[in-house]
Amino acid sequence: MELAPELPQVYLHPGEIYIARTPSILRTVLGSCVGITFWSPRLAIGALCHAVLPRRPPDLPPNLQCTEGYRYVDFCIADVARQLETLGAVRSQLQVKLFGGADVLPVASTPSASARMTVGRQNWQAALEVMRDESLGVTVSDLGGTRGCTLQFNTGTGEVLLRRLAQPVYENDL
């Protein structure tokens, strides 16, 4: 996919979503966060979520503001799907793609540390569970690994360009 210079471009920071009703390029950088793209070919609308943490803590108030909730994988997937339905999208026709959830920080090599779930793994596992619970199919996924990535999502075509970031070098690797 070539970046279409004539299309408006929107950069998403962690904990943000954007729903594009006209063709746009939605961009973000992911490490342990998860990026979820939604595209309705019939309506030619798309959305991108940049979720930071897997699940909304149970002690948060039920009337959580959307801007606070978009930090959480479970909240943003459910809310964006609901917003797209309000615009006329049908869940079974949405093309949803999942990216990110990398283990970008070194994990200690002790037996107890290797049994711990990293934030990246928790994020992508939560995304897959929520997709199932929300009756959304996954069209494409590129989850996990140890390298972050950049995303460019063309909401006019549904295409996503993923570029891997360079592999970090840690002191323990030297």
Foldseek 3Di string as FASTA:
>chain_A
DDDDVVAAEAEDDALDKDKAQAWHKYKYWAAQWKKKKKAQLVSLIIMIATAQFADDDPPDDPPDDSSVQSNYLLSVVVVVVVVVVVVPGDQARIAMEMEYLEQQDDFDPDPVRVPDDDRSNSRVVSNVVSCVVNVHDHNYYDGYYHWMWMWIATSNVRDIDIDTDDRDDDPVND
